[in-house]
Amino acid sequence: MQTPNLLKARQRTNEQTLTKTNEYIVKENLKKLGLKKKYYIKTYGCQMNEHDTENIKAILEEMSFEETPTMDNADLILLNTCAIRENAHNKVFGMLGRIKHLKEQNPNLIAGICGCMAQEETVINEILEKYNWLDIVFGTHNIHNLPNILYTSINKKDLEVEVLSIEGNIIENIPVKRDSKYKAWVNIMYGCDKFCTYCIVPYTRGKQRSRKKEYIIDEVKQLIKQGYKEVTLLGQNVNAYGKDLPEQYTMSNLLEDVAKTGIKRIRFVTSHPWDFNDEMIKIIKKYDNIMPYIHLPLQSGSNKILKLMGRRYTKESYIELYKKLKEAMPYSSITTDIIVGFPNETDQDFQETLNVVNECKFDSAFTFIFSPRIGTPAAKIADNVTLEEKNQRLQQLNELINKYSKEANNNYLNKTVPVLIEGTSEKNTKMLMGYTDTMKLVNIEGPKKYIGEIVNVKITDVKTWSMDGKVIE
């Protein structure tokens, strides 16, 4: 049993990150382990988690497991978890209650959790105390070892916990079963060294470490051959890509090289304002296949709160960067993240956040109430903002965000824009759905033959969070 250690997870040394290409192996005796068995995975959290799930699915299918869309007939259930907010924790533990009921009905059911929650000491302690009927727990550093973890658990018929609190290396050649045939996640780096005071990610994902450019470019080229139209370059802080590499090779260099592959669309998330430089803006503007969409977390518009958060920029520098982006690419859409109710946030601090929103008029925003994460510095600050105040502020912020989201969408009415059509609409299967280059969701009238293609769509109606349109043939 290997359990996580928060102090070890925080450690950073000068040891060079290793790129390992032979770590993922499915032994012959494990390739039929899942024969005639079904698996179900539920994913919580960010795009990185979604991509991890794509890896997990591929590994399980190399072991002969077959995916099922429901838990009820599954032989293996995994929850790929998120540790960002308490709400995510609560959802996972609530789901474990449902899984326990299924396991009582089917004692042979294998159940487990993985992902960021598994990397938290307090979570593992709770699992060992209250949920020791689980079969497997593994973290973010050893997805590639899932075949052996499963085999060990099945053979010893006991809870197998394998969670590594390490800085981390890079494991290449892990298989992937992509959720889409037209757009793909591509990891360019892992981990984070920013240590924002409220954030658990540097503890759960390890140190900041960049994949070698050759592996990234080769992955994109393979995706092009397979017919993919869009890639999203993934990292906890993509702008910091290359800072840990021995050669001088930065995010702007990588963006340019990926653009030169000829892939139709390139996106990247998530950016930290601290690392977003003029060279990146120049490259984004230069290449038409780098989409004019930037997700740029603000978190707070108060310099006092930003300092308490450890964000290392000011609202003035953020606004300056925002204006640079808009000046270089007036057509671009910019979205953000904002936290309300951080400890010691006053009404004036909150008003300063609203002031920045009024100045930037974001296309949309992910807004959250501050959620203390055990082990982070912010969790130790006396929280003097009442829940009632937090909820009021969140509501006020969301009303403002919604106003500007609708205004941004209004600019598209009766215009013709390029849309990558991804499939049929969830709400109306007679309609298609897709995203503009600026990441606007569009529900579309048009024939299904256009699924998987980038087509011109005339916008006929706009709402706060989506638009309607019809294909221009």
Protein backbone atom coordinates (compact mmCIF):
# COMPACT_ATOMS: atom_id res chain seq x y z
CA MET A 1 0.00 0.00 0.00
CA GLN A 2 1.33 3.42 -1.01
CA THR A 3 -0.55 6.39 0.42
CA PRO A 4 -0.08 10.10 -0.35
CA ASN A 5 1.99 12.50 1.75
CA LEU A 6 1.23 16.20 1.49
CA LEU A 7 4.70 17.35 2.54
CA LYS A 8 6.38 15.13 -0.06
CA ALA A 9 3.92 16.33 -2.71
CA ARG A 10 4.98 19.92 -2.07
CA GLN A 11 8.72 19.26 -2.43
CA ARG A 12 10.55 20.63 -5.45
CA THR A 13 14.14 19.68 -6.26
CA ASN A 14 16.51 20.33 -9.14
CA GLU A 15 16.26 16.75 -10.36
CA GLN A 16 15.76 16.58 -14.11
CA THR A 17 12.43 15.25 -15.35
CA LEU A 18 12.78 11.91 -17.08
CA THR A 19 10.88 10.98 -20.23
CA LYS A 20 10.06 7.29 -20.06
CA THR A 21 8.85 5.42 -23.14
CA ASN A 22 8.78 1.84 -21.85
CA GLU A 23 6.85 2.19 -18.59
CA TYR A 24 3.44 1.21 -19.98
CA ILE A 25 3.29 -2.54 -20.55
CA VAL A 26 0.31 -4.89 -20.48
CA LYS A 27 1.65 -8.36 -19.76
CA GLU A 28 0.23 -11.23 -21.78
CA ASN A 29 -1.57 -12.70 -18.79
CA LEU A 30 -3.43 -9.42 -18.25
CA LYS A 31 -4.64 -8.85 -21.81
CA LYS A 32 -7.70 -11.07 -21.23
CA LEU A 33 -8.37 -9.97 -17.65
CA GLY A 34 -11.46 -8.02 -18.68
CA LEU A 35 -12.83 -10.52 -21.18
CA LYS A 36 -16.67 -10.43 -21.22
CA LYS A 37 -16.57 -7.69 -18.57
CA LYS A 38 -17.82 -4.11 -18.84
CA TYR A 39 -16.36 -0.92 -17.38
CA TYR A 40 -17.89 2.45 -16.50
CA ILE A 41 -15.95 5.64 -15.78
CA LYS A 42 -17.37 8.89 -14.42
CA THR A 43 -15.11 11.92 -14.80
CA TYR A 44 -15.10 15.05 -12.67
CA GLY A 45 -13.15 18.26 -13.20
CA CYS A 46 -10.91 19.75 -15.85
CA GLN A 47 -9.88 18.89 -19.40
CA MET A 48 -6.76 17.18 -18.05
CA ASN A 49 -9.00 14.75 -16.17
CA GLU A 50 -11.07 14.18 -19.31
CA HIS A 51 -7.93 13.30 -21.23
CA ASP A 52 -6.72 11.04 -18.40
CA THR A 53 -10.02 9.20 -18.72
CA GLU A 54 -9.33 8.73 -22.44
CA ASN A 55 -6.06 7.05 -21.45
CA ILE A 56 -7.74 4.88 -18.82
CA LYS A 57 -10.39 3.71 -21.29
CA ALA A 58 -7.73 2.68 -23.79
CA ILE A 59 -5.78 0.77 -21.14
CA LEU A 60 -8.89 -1.10 -20.01
CA GLU A 61 -9.78 -2.00 -23.57
CA GLU A 62 -6.28 -3.37 -24.12
CA MET A 63 -7.18 -5.65 -21.19
CA SER A 64 -10.36 -6.74 -23.08
CA PHE A 65 -12.84 -4.71 -20.99
CA GLU A 66 -15.78 -3.24 -22.89
CA GLU A 67 -17.28 0.19 -22.10
CA THR A 68 -20.86 0.51 -20.89
CA PRO A 69 -22.79 3.81 -20.61
CA THR A 70 -24.39 2.95 -17.24
CA MET A 71 -23.15 1.77 -13.86
CA ASP A 72 -25.93 -0.75 -13.39
CA ASN A 73 -24.43 -3.48 -15.59
CA ALA A 74 -20.74 -2.64 -15.05
CA ASP A 75 -18.18 -5.11 -13.73
CA LEU A 76 -15.70 -2.28 -13.07
CA ILE A 77 -16.58 1.26 -11.95
CA LEU A 78 -14.00 4.04 -11.69
CA LEU A 79 -14.49 7.62 -10.52
CA ASN A 80 -11.83 9.92 -11.98
CA THR A 81 -11.92 12.71 -9.44
CA CYS A 82 -11.26 16.43 -9.06
CA ALA A 83 -9.88 18.14 -5.94
CA ILE A 84 -10.36 21.79 -6.86
CA ARG A 85 -13.51 22.45 -4.79
CA GLU A 86 -15.36 20.90 -1.87
CA ASN A 87 -18.43 20.47 -4.06
CA ALA A 88 -16.51 18.00 -6.24
CA HIS A 89 -15.49 16.06 -3.12
CA ASN A 90 -19.05 15.84 -1.93
CA LYS A 91 -20.29 14.59 -5.30
CA VAL A 92 -17.71 11.79 -5.32
CA PHE A 93 -18.50 10.61 -1.80
CA GLY A 94 -22.20 10.76 -2.65
CA MET A 95 -21.57 8.61 -5.72
CA LEU A 96 -19.65 6.09 -3.60
CA GLY A 97 -22.87 5.53 -1.67
CA ARG A 98 -24.60 4.46 -4.89
CA ILE A 99 -21.68 2.26 -5.87
CA LYS A 100 -21.67 0.53 -2.48
CA HIS A 101 -25.30 -0.43 -3.05
CA LEU A 102 -24.37 -1.93 -6.45
CA LYS A 103 -21.46 -3.79 -4.87
CA GLU A 104 -23.79 -5.29 -2.26
CA GLN A 105 -25.90 -6.63 -5.12
CA ASN A 106 -22.83 -7.82 -7.05
CA PRO A 107 -19.89 -8.75 -4.78
CA ASN A 108 -17.69 -9.32 -7.85
CA LEU A 109 -18.00 -5.68 -8.88
CA ILE A 110 -14.62 -3.91 -8.88
CA ALA A 111 -14.89 -0.30 -7.69
CA GLY A 112 -12.27 2.38 -7.36
CA ILE A 113 -11.32 6.03 -7.48
CA CYS A 114 -8.43 7.75 -9.19
CA GLY A 115 -7.38 11.27 -10.12
CA CYS A 116 -6.66 14.30 -7.96
CA MET A 117 -8.75 13.39 -4.90
CA ALA A 118 -6.78 10.18 -4.62
CA GLN A 119 -3.63 12.30 -4.19
CA GLU A 120 -4.97 13.93 -0.99
CA GLU A 121 -3.93 12.57 2.40
CA THR A 122 -7.23 13.40 4.06
CA VAL A 123 -9.23 11.67 1.33
CA ILE A 124 -7.23 8.46 1.58
CA ASN A 125 -7.57 8.51 5.36
CA GLU A 126 -11.35 8.79 4.97
CA ILE A 127 -11.41 5.99 2.40
CA LEU A 128 -9.42 3.69 4.67
CA GLU A 129 -11.76 4.47 7.55
CA LYS A 130 -15.19 4.56 5.88
CA TYR A 131 -14.87 3.20 2.34
CA ASN A 132 -12.46 0.29 2.68
CA TRP A 133 -14.90 -1.84 0.66
CA LEU A 134 -13.39 -0.19 -2.43
CA ASP A 135 -11.00 -2.29 -4.50
CA ILE A 136 -8.51 0.11 -6.07
CA VAL A 137 -7.24 3.65 -5.55
CA PHE A 138 -4.55 5.19 -7.73
CA GLY A 139 -3.43 8.72 -8.44
CA THR A 140 -2.30 10.99 -11.25
CA HIS A 141 1.28 9.73 -11.51
CA ASN A 142 0.69 6.04 -12.20
CA ILE A 143 -2.21 5.67 -14.62
CA HIS A 144 0.13 3.59 -16.77
CA ASN A 145 0.33 0.99 -13.99
CA LEU A 146 -3.42 0.35 -13.89
CA PRO A 147 -3.16 -3.21 -15.30
CA ASN A 148 -0.91 -4.29 -12.42
CA ILE A 149 -2.97 -2.44 -9.81
CA LEU A 150 -6.12 -4.20 -11.00
CA TYR A 151 -4.42 -7.60 -11.11
CA THR A 152 -3.05 -7.23 -7.57
CA SER A 153 -6.41 -6.17 -6.16
CA ILE A 154 -8.28 -9.05 -7.81
CA ASN A 155 -5.77 -11.60 -6.58
CA LYS A 156 -5.53 -10.47 -2.98
CA LYS A 157 -9.27 -9.60 -2.83
CA ASP A 158 -8.53 -6.48 -0.84
CA LEU A 159 -8.25 -2.73 -1.25
CA GLU A 160 -5.18 -1.85 -3.31
CA VAL A 161 -3.97 1.73 -2.79
CA GLU A 162 -1.11 2.93 -4.99
CA VAL A 163 -0.72 6.71 -4.83
CA LEU A 164 2.67 8.33 -5.43
CA SER A 165 3.59 11.66 -3.84
CA ILE A 166 6.39 12.54 -6.22
CA GLU A 167 7.46 15.43 -8.42
CA GLY A 168 6.69 13.26 -11.40
CA ASN A 169 8.20 12.22 -14.70
CA ILE A 170 6.70 12.04 -18.19
CA ILE A 171 5.35 8.70 -19.36
CA GLU A 172 5.01 8.48 -23.13
CA ASN A 173 3.25 5.84 -25.23
CA ILE A 174 0.17 5.45 -23.02
CA PRO A 175 -2.71 4.52 -25.36
CA VAL A 176 -5.72 6.79 -25.80
CA LYS A 177 -9.35 6.23 -26.73
CA ARG A 178 -10.53 9.67 -27.83
CA ASP A 179 -14.09 10.77 -27.14
CA SER A 180 -14.26 12.66 -30.44
CA LYS A 181 -13.28 11.82 -34.00
CA TYR A 182 -12.75 15.46 -34.91
CA LYS A 183 -11.07 17.26 -32.02
CA ALA A 184 -8.45 16.01 -29.57
CA TRP A 185 -6.72 16.89 -26.33
CA VAL A 186 -2.92 16.94 -26.53
CA ASN A 187 -0.96 17.20 -23.29
CA ILE A 188 2.03 19.48 -23.63
CA MET A 189 2.97 19.63 -19.95
CA TYR A 190 2.01 18.35 -16.53
CA GLY A 191 1.95 19.75 -13.01
CA CYS A 192 2.37 23.27 -11.71
CA ASP A 193 4.89 25.21 -9.64
CA LYS A 194 2.87 28.40 -9.14
CA PHE A 195 1.50 27.38 -5.72
CA CYS A 196 -1.38 29.85 -5.67
CA THR A 197 -2.40 29.85 -2.02
CA TYR A 198 -5.89 28.43 -2.64
CA CYS A 199 -4.94 25.73 -5.16
CA ILE A 200 -4.32 22.03 -4.49
CA VAL A 201 -3.13 21.23 -8.05
CA PRO A 202 0.64 21.57 -7.40
CA TYR A 203 0.21 18.90 -4.71
CA THR A 204 -1.98 16.54 -6.74
CA ARG A 205 -0.29 16.88 -10.14
CA GLY A 206 3.37 17.30 -9.23
CA LYS A 207 5.97 19.70 -10.50
CA GLN A 208 5.80 21.63 -13.74
CA ARG A 209 7.25 19.45 -16.48
CA SER A 210 7.08 19.82 -20.24
CA ARG A 211 6.83 17.09 -22.84
CA LYS A 212 9.56 17.12 -25.47
CA LYS A 213 8.45 18.98 -28.57
CA GLU A 214 9.10 15.96 -30.81
CA TYR A 215 6.45 13.89 -29.07
CA ILE A 216 3.90 16.71 -29.23
CA ILE A 217 4.45 17.50 -32.90
CA ASP A 218 4.39 13.82 -33.82
CA GLU A 219 1.10 13.36 -31.94
CA VAL A 220 -0.46 16.28 -33.82
CA LYS A 221 0.75 14.92 -37.18
CA GLN A 222 -0.76 11.53 -36.38
CA LEU A 223 -4.06 13.20 -35.50
CA ILE A 224 -4.06 15.00 -38.86
CA LYS A 225 -3.58 11.65 -40.62
CA GLN A 226 -6.54 10.29 -38.66
CA GLY A 227 -8.75 13.11 -39.88
CA TYR A 228 -8.80 15.35 -36.80
CA LYS A 229 -9.58 19.01 -37.41
CA GLU A 230 -8.78 20.51 -34.02
CA VAL A 231 -6.33 20.05 -31.16
CA THR A 232 -6.35 21.65 -27.74
CA LEU A 233 -2.92 21.88 -26.13
CA LEU A 234 -3.32 21.04 -22.44
CA GLY A 235 -1.47 22.00 -19.30
CA GLN A 236 -2.16 23.34 -15.84
CA ASN A 237 -0.36 26.47 -17.04
CA VAL A 238 0.40 26.12 -20.74
CA ASN A 239 2.15 29.48 -21.03
CA ALA A 240 4.96 28.16 -18.85
CA TYR A 241 5.67 25.38 -21.35
CA GLY A 242 9.41 24.90 -21.92
CA LYS A 243 10.67 26.70 -18.84
CA ASP A 244 11.93 23.41 -17.44
CA LEU A 245 13.48 22.16 -20.68
CA PRO A 246 17.27 22.26 -21.10
CA GLU A 247 16.99 23.90 -24.54
CA GLN A 248 15.58 27.37 -25.21
CA TYR A 249 12.14 26.44 -26.48
CA THR A 250 9.02 28.27 -25.30
CA MET A 251 5.25 28.15 -25.68
CA SER A 252 5.42 30.61 -28.57
CA ASN A 253 7.91 28.30 -30.36
CA LEU A 254 5.62 25.32 -29.78
CA LEU A 255 2.53 27.19 -30.97
CA GLU A 256 4.32 28.12 -34.19
CA ASP A 257 5.55 24.57 -34.81
CA VAL A 258 2.09 23.11 -34.18
CA ALA A 259 0.58 25.73 -36.50
CA LYS A 260 3.04 24.70 -39.22
CA THR A 261 1.76 21.11 -39.12
CA GLY A 262 -1.34 22.38 -40.94
CA ILE A 263 -3.91 21.20 -38.38
CA LYS A 264 -7.04 23.25 -39.06
CA ARG A 265 -7.63 24.51 -35.52
CA ILE A 266 -5.40 24.98 -32.47
CA ARG A 267 -6.53 25.96 -28.99
CA PHE A 268 -4.70 25.94 -25.65
CA VAL A 269 -5.72 25.93 -21.98
CA THR A 270 -5.18 27.06 -19.33
CA SER A 271 -3.17 30.28 -19.41
CA HIS A 272 -1.73 32.13 -16.43
CA PRO A 273 -1.54 35.91 -16.96
CA TRP A 274 1.93 35.94 -15.41
CA ASP A 275 3.44 33.92 -18.28
CA PHE A 276 1.47 35.37 -21.22
CA ASN A 277 4.01 37.41 -23.20
CA ASP A 278 4.11 39.57 -26.33
CA GLU A 279 5.76 36.83 -28.40
CA MET A 280 2.79 34.54 -27.78
CA ILE A 281 0.39 37.26 -28.90
CA LYS A 282 2.46 37.81 -32.05
CA ILE A 283 2.34 34.08 -32.94
CA ILE A 284 -1.39 33.76 -32.25
CA LYS A 285 -2.06 36.73 -34.51
CA LYS A 286 0.29 35.43 -37.23
CA TYR A 287 -1.33 32.03 -37.80
CA ASP A 288 -4.95 31.67 -38.90
CA ASN A 289 -5.17 28.15 -37.52
CA ILE A 290 -4.49 29.33 -33.95
CA MET A 291 -7.99 30.17 -32.78
CA PRO A 292 -8.79 33.69 -31.53
CA TYR A 293 -10.00 32.38 -28.19
CA ILE A 294 -8.14 32.90 -24.91
CA HIS A 295 -9.09 31.60 -21.49
CA LEU A 296 -7.34 33.96 -19.08
CA PRO A 297 -8.19 33.46 -15.39
CA LEU A 298 -8.52 36.69 -13.42
CA GLN A 299 -9.57 35.18 -10.06
CA SER A 300 -9.98 38.62 -8.44
CA GLY A 301 -9.93 42.27 -9.43
CA SER A 302 -8.51 43.36 -6.08
CA ASN A 303 -4.74 43.70 -5.80
CA LYS A 304 -4.98 42.92 -2.09
CA ILE A 305 -6.78 39.65 -2.76
CA LEU A 306 -4.53 38.78 -5.71
CA LYS A 307 -1.54 39.13 -3.39
CA LEU A 308 -3.20 36.92 -0.77
CA MET A 309 -3.90 34.41 -3.53
CA GLY A 310 -0.24 34.40 -4.59
CA ARG A 311 -1.16 35.24 -8.18
CA ARG A 312 1.92 37.47 -8.80
CA TYR A 313 0.20 39.99 -11.07
CA THR A 314 -1.93 43.06 -10.46
CA LYS A 315 -5.30 44.03 -11.87
CA GLU A 316 -3.50 46.76 -13.82
CA SER A 317 -1.12 44.30 -15.50
CA TYR A 318 -4.04 41.96 -16.20
CA ILE A 319 -6.05 44.74 -17.88
CA GLU A 320 -2.96 45.77 -19.87
CA LEU A 321 -2.58 42.19 -21.15
CA TYR A 322 -6.30 42.03 -21.95
CA LYS A 323 -6.04 45.22 -24.00
CA LYS A 324 -2.96 43.92 -25.84
CA LEU A 325 -4.87 40.81 -26.85
CA LYS A 326 -7.89 42.78 -28.01
CA GLU A 327 -5.74 45.29 -29.90
CA ALA A 328 -3.89 42.48 -31.71
CA MET A 329 -7.06 40.44 -32.29
CA PRO A 330 -10.23 42.57 -32.00
CA TYR A 331 -12.33 39.60 -33.09
CA SER A 332 -11.05 37.37 -30.28
CA SER A 333 -13.17 36.12 -27.40
CA ILE A 334 -11.69 36.12 -23.91
CA THR A 335 -13.10 34.12 -21.03
CA THR A 336 -12.00 33.93 -17.42
CA ASP A 337 -12.25 32.35 -13.96
CA ILE A 338 -13.27 34.36 -10.88
CA ILE A 339 -13.40 33.37 -7.21
CA VAL A 340 -15.66 35.25 -4.80
CA GLY A 341 -15.54 35.19 -1.02
CA PHE A 342 -11.80 34.65 -0.60
CA PRO A 343 -10.90 35.11 3.10
CA ASN A 344 -10.71 38.83 3.99
CA GLU A 345 -12.46 39.88 0.77
CA THR A 346 -14.33 43.09 1.61
CA ASP A 347 -17.21 44.70 -0.24
CA GLN A 348 -14.65 47.09 -1.74
CA ASP A 349 -12.48 44.18 -2.93
CA PHE A 350 -15.51 42.59 -4.55
CA GLN A 351 -16.46 45.89 -6.17
CA GLU A 352 -12.98 46.07 -7.68
CA THR A 353 -13.62 42.65 -9.27
CA LEU A 354 -16.88 43.95 -10.71
CA ASN A 355 -15.00 46.99 -12.03
CA VAL A 356 -12.56 44.77 -13.95
CA VAL A 357 -15.47 42.75 -15.36
CA ASN A 358 -17.12 46.00 -16.47
CA GLU A 359 -13.91 47.06 -18.19
CA CYS A 360 -13.08 43.75 -19.86
CA LYS A 361 -16.64 42.62 -20.65
CA PHE A 362 -15.64 38.95 -20.80
CA ASP A 363 -17.37 36.66 -23.28
CA SER A 364 -18.09 34.30 -20.39
CA ALA A 365 -16.66 33.23 -17.06
CA PHE A 366 -16.48 30.29 -14.71
CA THR A 367 -17.37 31.73 -11.31
CA PHE A 368 -16.87 30.03 -7.95
CA ILE A 369 -17.25 30.58 -4.25
CA PHE A 370 -13.93 30.15 -2.44
CA SER A 371 -13.51 26.57 -1.30
CA PRO A 372 -10.74 25.91 1.25
CA ARG A 373 -8.49 22.98 0.33
CA ILE A 374 -6.84 21.24 3.27
CA GLY A 375 -3.08 21.67 3.10
CA THR A 376 -3.07 24.93 1.14
CA PRO A 377 -2.04 28.22 2.81
CA ALA A 378 -5.41 29.87 2.10
CA ALA A 379 -7.21 27.17 4.09
CA LYS A 380 -5.42 28.44 7.21
CA ILE A 381 -6.65 32.04 6.80
CA ALA A 382 -9.58 32.92 9.03
CA ASP A 383 -12.60 33.04 6.71
CA ASN A 384 -14.50 36.13 7.79
CA VAL A 385 -16.91 36.22 4.81
CA THR A 386 -20.28 34.66 5.59
CA LEU A 387 -21.83 32.12 3.25
CA GLU A 388 -24.75 34.51 2.74
CA GLU A 389 -22.36 37.23 1.58
CA LYS A 390 -20.56 34.80 -0.73
CA ASN A 391 -23.82 33.71 -2.34
CA GLN A 392 -24.97 37.29 -2.79
CA ARG A 393 -21.69 38.24 -4.42
CA LEU A 394 -21.76 35.21 -6.69
CA GLN A 395 -25.28 36.05 -7.81
CA GLN A 396 -24.36 39.68 -8.48
CA LEU A 397 -21.24 38.64 -10.40
CA ASN A 398 -23.13 36.09 -12.48
CA GLU A 399 -25.78 38.64 -13.45
CA LEU A 400 -23.02 40.92 -14.74
CA ILE A 401 -21.20 38.07 -16.54
CA ASN A 402 -24.47 36.97 -18.17
CA LYS A 403 -25.14 40.51 -19.35
CA TYR A 404 -21.80 40.74 -21.15
CA SER A 405 -22.05 37.18 -22.50
CA LYS A 406 -25.32 38.09 -24.18
CA GLU A 407 -23.87 41.36 -25.49
CA ALA A 408 -20.89 39.49 -26.96
CA ASN A 409 -23.19 37.00 -28.66
CA ASN A 410 -25.37 39.81 -30.03
CA ASN A 411 -22.43 40.83 -32.21
CA TYR A 412 -22.78 37.55 -34.14
CA LEU A 413 -26.41 37.97 -35.18
CA ASN A 414 -26.86 37.70 -38.97
CA LYS A 415 -23.12 37.16 -39.44
CA THR A 416 -21.59 34.13 -41.15
CA VAL A 417 -18.90 32.38 -39.11
CA PRO A 418 -16.83 29.16 -39.42
CA VAL A 419 -18.10 26.32 -37.22
CA LEU A 420 -16.62 22.88 -36.61
CA ILE A 421 -19.73 20.68 -36.54
CA GLU A 422 -19.21 17.98 -33.93
CA GLY A 423 -22.49 16.07 -33.95
CA THR A 424 -26.19 16.35 -33.17
CA SER A 425 -27.51 18.65 -30.48
CA GLU A 426 -28.20 17.03 -27.10
CA LYS A 427 -31.49 18.93 -26.72
CA ASN A 428 -32.71 18.43 -30.27
CA THR A 429 -31.34 15.53 -32.29
CA LYS A 430 -32.75 17.10 -35.46
CA MET A 431 -30.23 19.93 -35.03
CA LEU A 432 -26.45 19.84 -35.35
CA MET A 433 -24.04 21.44 -32.89
CA GLY A 434 -20.56 22.85 -33.05
CA TYR A 435 -18.25 25.67 -32.03
CA THR A 436 -17.08 28.80 -33.77
CA ASP A 437 -13.40 29.70 -33.94
CA THR A 438 -14.09 31.93 -30.90
CA MET A 439 -15.51 28.98 -28.93
CA LYS A 440 -19.18 29.94 -29.20
CA LEU A 441 -21.66 27.06 -29.05
CA VAL A 442 -23.97 27.00 -32.07
CA ASN A 443 -27.04 24.82 -32.67
CA ILE A 444 -27.39 24.46 -36.42
CA GLU A 445 -29.91 23.60 -39.09
CA GLY A 446 -28.23 21.50 -41.74
CA PRO A 447 -27.64 18.01 -43.10
CA LYS A 448 -25.68 15.47 -41.04
CA LYS A 449 -23.17 15.07 -43.86
CA TYR A 450 -21.40 18.13 -42.44
CA ILE A 451 -20.57 16.46 -39.13
CA GLY A 452 -16.81 16.57 -38.72
CA GLU A 453 -16.38 19.48 -41.14
CA ILE A 454 -15.69 23.18 -40.68
CA VAL A 455 -18.50 24.98 -42.50
CA ASN A 456 -19.86 28.49 -42.80
CA VAL A 457 -22.89 29.08 -40.61
CA LYS A 458 -25.16 32.12 -40.60
CA ILE A 459 -26.22 33.06 -37.05
CA THR A 460 -30.00 33.48 -36.92
CA ASP A 461 -30.60 33.84 -33.17
CA VAL A 462 -28.50 34.50 -30.07
CA LYS A 463 -28.93 33.57 -26.42
CA THR A 464 -26.73 34.10 -23.38
CA TRP A 465 -24.81 30.83 -23.65
CA SER A 466 -25.44 29.66 -27.21
CA MET A 467 -26.51 30.71 -30.67
CA ASP A 468 -28.64 29.26 -33.46
CA GLY A 469 -27.67 29.19 -37.11
CA LYS A 470 -28.01 27.50 -40.47
CA VAL A 471 -25.39 26.06 -42.79
CA ILE A 472 -24.60 28.23 -45.82
CA GLU A 473 -24.18 25.71 -48.64
